Every structure is written in structure tokens, then in C-alpha cells.
Amino acid sequence: LLTPQGVKEVFQFQRSQGRERLRRLLNWEEFDEQRDSRRSILLDTLYESIIFAVGKGFPWVEVAQVVKFTEELLRETKGAGLQGLGDHLQEVPSSQCK
């Protein structure tokens, strides 16, 4: 579970160190970035969601929620293609899209 303090720590590091800290906070095992490109891309996406949310001025509590939302969205739409993703986003309650 990511906490506001955890995402703040991730943000304060340079990209490579921040991604590593995020991986540990998510309790992921170490993995080979070259061989497991799917996991590498997922970690990049979650890391970038932190950078995006902080850049938009979200409070740390909401930054942690953005990461959780992003992770859930990616899990729920795995293999759905762009149309499936678009359909899913239309179903997201507006309360989750502040």
C-alpha cells in the first residue's frame, strides 16, 4: 500500500532511484528490465503518474490515490485494447476524476 509519505519519497529521488523506491514500496521482487518489459513499462507508468499528479499540485494523499487508480485501471483493462480502455474510462465515477 502506497502512503502519502511513500510517494513523497519516490518523488524526491531522481528517476532511476525513484522507480527503485516505488518498486520496493509496491513489494515487487527485483526484475530484469530488459527481459520483463511489461513490468518495466508498468513501473514507468506508475512512476509517471506520481510525477504528473505532483506537477498538477495534488496533495500527497491524492498522489497516492492516483497511483492506486492507475494500477487498478491498468489491471482492469489488461488485454482490452484502446476501445476497451475508452469504454472503461466512461464508466469511471466523476468523483474519482477530480
C-alpha atoms as a PDB file:
ATOM      1  CA  LEU A   1       0.000   0.000   0.000  1.00  0.00           C
ATOM      2  CA  LEU A   2       1.426   3.337  -1.003  1.00  0.00           C
ATOM      3  CA  THR A   3       1.245   6.049   1.606  1.00  0.00           C
ATOM      4  CA  PRO A   4       1.485   9.813   1.113  1.00  0.00           C
ATOM      5  CA  GLN A   5       4.957   9.661   2.698  1.00  0.00           C
ATOM      6  CA  GLY A   6       5.962   6.850   0.338  1.00  0.00           C
ATOM      7  CA  VAL A   7       5.011   8.709  -2.839  1.00  0.00           C
ATOM      8  CA  LYS A   8       6.718  11.821  -1.498  1.00  0.00           C
ATOM      9  CA  GLU A   9       9.923   9.783  -1.096  1.00  0.00           C
ATOM     10  CA  VAL A  10       9.598   8.435  -4.647  1.00  0.00           C
ATOM     11  CA  PHE A  11       9.189  11.969  -5.998  1.00  0.00           C
ATOM     12  CA  GLN A  12      12.214  13.309  -4.128  1.00  0.00           C
ATOM     13  CA  PHE A  13      14.609  10.859  -5.815  1.00  0.00           C
ATOM     14  CA  GLN A  14      15.998  11.068  -9.331  1.00  0.00           C
ATOM     15  CA  ARG A  15      14.086   8.911 -11.836  1.00  0.00           C
ATOM     16  CA  SER A  16      16.079   5.661 -11.527  1.00  0.00           C
ATOM     17  CA  GLN A  17      16.200   5.814  -7.737  1.00  0.00           C
ATOM     18  CA  GLY A  18      12.549   6.867  -7.593  1.00  0.00           C
ATOM     19  CA  ARG A  19      11.487   3.909  -9.723  1.00  0.00           C
ATOM     20  CA  GLU A  20      13.504   1.586  -7.472  1.00  0.00           C
ATOM     21  CA  ARG A  21      11.893   3.061  -4.339  1.00  0.00           C
ATOM     22  CA  LEU A  22       8.455   2.687  -5.927  1.00  0.00           C
ATOM     23  CA  ARG A  23       9.180  -0.948  -6.803  1.00  0.00           C
ATOM     24  CA  ARG A  24      10.067  -1.641  -3.181  1.00  0.00           C
ATOM     25  CA  LEU A  25       7.015   0.191  -1.844  1.00  0.00           C
ATOM     26  CA  LEU A  26       4.842  -1.921  -4.138  1.00  0.00           C
ATOM     27  CA  ASN A  27       6.542  -5.039  -2.719  1.00  0.00           C
ATOM     28  CA  TRP A  28       7.640  -6.166  -6.176  1.00  0.00           C
ATOM     29  CA  GLU A  29      10.570  -8.519  -6.469  1.00  0.00           C
ATOM     30  CA  GLU A  30      13.600  -7.313  -8.404  1.00  0.00           C
ATOM     31  CA  PHE A  31      13.264  -7.984 -12.121  1.00  0.00           C
ATOM     32  CA  ASP A  32      15.321  -7.708 -15.290  1.00  0.00           C
ATOM     33  CA  GLU A  33      14.194  -4.551 -17.098  1.00  0.00           C
ATOM     34  CA  GLN A  34      15.245  -5.937 -20.488  1.00  0.00           C
ATOM     35  CA  ARG A  35      13.601  -9.338 -20.151  1.00  0.00           C
ATOM     36  CA  ASP A  36      10.431  -8.207 -18.398  1.00  0.00           C
ATOM     37  CA  SER A  37       9.487  -5.194 -20.474  1.00  0.00           C
ATOM     38  CA  ARG A  38       5.821  -5.425 -19.443  1.00  0.00           C
ATOM     39  CA  ARG A  39       6.685  -4.966 -15.770  1.00  0.00           C
ATOM     40  CA  SER A  40       9.186  -2.240 -16.660  1.00  0.00           C
ATOM     41  CA  ILE A  41       6.525  -0.333 -18.604  1.00  0.00           C
ATOM     42  CA  LEU A  42       4.047  -0.748 -15.750  1.00  0.00           C
ATOM     43  CA  LEU A  43       6.583   0.625 -13.273  1.00  0.00           C
ATOM     44  CA  ASP A  44       7.289   3.548 -15.637  1.00  0.00           C
ATOM     45  CA  THR A  45       3.572   4.259 -15.905  1.00  0.00           C
ATOM     46  CA  LEU A  46       3.046   4.240 -12.149  1.00  0.00           C
ATOM     47  CA  TYR A  47       6.136   6.397 -11.622  1.00  0.00           C
ATOM     48  CA  GLU A  48       4.952   8.867 -14.252  1.00  0.00           C
ATOM     49  CA  SER A  49       1.528   9.032 -12.585  1.00  0.00           C
ATOM     50  CA  ILE A  50       3.293  10.296  -9.453  1.00  0.00           C
ATOM     51  CA  ILE A  51       5.220  12.905 -11.432  1.00  0.00           C
ATOM     52  CA  PHE A  52       2.033  14.000 -13.218  1.00  0.00           C
ATOM     53  CA  ALA A  53      -0.043  14.299 -10.030  1.00  0.00           C
ATOM     54  CA  VAL A  54       2.662  16.226  -8.175  1.00  0.00           C
ATOM     55  CA  GLY A  55       3.081  18.517 -11.185  1.00  0.00           C
ATOM     56  CA  LYS A  56      -0.649  19.255 -11.103  1.00  0.00           C
ATOM     57  CA  GLY A  57      -0.349  20.262  -7.453  1.00  0.00           C
ATOM     58  CA  PHE A  58      -2.246  17.341  -5.927  1.00  0.00           C
ATOM     59  CA  PRO A  59      -1.818  16.861  -2.167  1.00  0.00           C
ATOM     60  CA  TRP A  60       0.311  13.822  -1.266  1.00  0.00           C
ATOM     61  CA  VAL A  61      -2.767  11.855  -0.145  1.00  0.00           C
ATOM     62  CA  GLU A  62      -4.285  12.281  -3.601  1.00  0.00           C
ATOM     63  CA  VAL A  63      -0.989  11.469  -5.335  1.00  0.00           C
ATOM     64  CA  ALA A  64      -1.079   8.075  -3.598  1.00  0.00           C
ATOM     65  CA  GLN A  65      -4.694   7.644  -4.785  1.00  0.00           C
ATOM     66  CA  VAL A  66      -3.694   8.466  -8.365  1.00  0.00           C
ATOM     67  CA  VAL A  67      -1.144   5.642  -8.296  1.00  0.00           C
ATOM     68  CA  LYS A  68      -3.739   3.235  -6.896  1.00  0.00           C
ATOM     69  CA  PHE A  69      -6.290   4.316  -9.519  1.00  0.00           C
ATOM     70  CA  THR A  70      -3.735   3.952 -12.327  1.00  0.00           C
ATOM     71  CA  GLU A  71      -2.729   0.486 -11.153  1.00  0.00           C
ATOM     72  CA  GLU A  72      -6.378  -0.626 -10.909  1.00  0.00           C
ATOM     73  CA  LEU A  73      -7.213   0.830 -14.317  1.00  0.00           C
ATOM     74  CA  LEU A  74      -4.306  -0.976 -15.950  1.00  0.00           C
ATOM     75  CA  ARG A  75      -5.237  -4.252 -14.249  1.00  0.00           C
ATOM     76  CA  GLU A  76      -8.923  -3.992 -15.208  1.00  0.00           C
ATOM     77  CA  THR A  77      -8.221  -3.126 -18.839  1.00  0.00           C
ATOM     78  CA  LYS A  78      -5.390  -5.599 -19.428  1.00  0.00           C
ATOM     79  CA  GLY A  79      -5.806  -7.014 -22.927  1.00  0.00           C
ATOM     80  CA  ALA A  80      -8.847  -4.851 -23.669  1.00  0.00           C
ATOM     81  CA  GLY A  81      -7.276  -2.695 -26.394  1.00  0.00           C
ATOM     82  CA  LEU A  82      -7.929   1.007 -26.847  1.00  0.00           C
ATOM     83  CA  GLN A  83     -11.676   0.634 -27.342  1.00  0.00           C
ATOM     84  CA  GLY A  84     -11.976  -1.326 -24.105  1.00  0.00           C
ATOM     85  CA  LEU A  85      -9.946   1.294 -22.274  1.00  0.00           C
ATOM     86  CA  GLY A  86     -12.159   4.068 -23.628  1.00  0.00           C
ATOM     87  CA  ASP A  87     -15.288   2.194 -22.610  1.00  0.00           C
ATOM     88  CA  HIS A  88     -13.881   1.616 -19.140  1.00  0.00           C
ATOM     89  CA  LEU A  89     -12.942   5.272 -18.659  1.00  0.00           C
ATOM     90  CA  GLN A  90     -16.502   6.305 -19.489  1.00  0.00           C
ATOM     91  CA  GLU A  91     -17.664   4.119 -16.589  1.00  0.00           C
ATOM     92  CA  VAL A  92     -15.340   5.744 -14.022  1.00  0.00           C
ATOM     93  CA  PRO A  93     -17.333   7.795 -11.497  1.00  0.00           C
ATOM     94  CA  SER A  94     -16.565  11.502 -11.769  1.00  0.00           C
ATOM     95  CA  SER A  95     -15.706  11.520  -8.053  1.00  0.00           C
ATOM     96  CA  GLN A  96     -12.530   9.611  -8.975  1.00  0.00           C
ATOM     97  CA  CYS A  97     -11.591  12.180 -11.635  1.00  0.00           C
ATOM     98  CA  LYS A  98     -11.066  15.341  -9.599  1.00  0.00           C
END
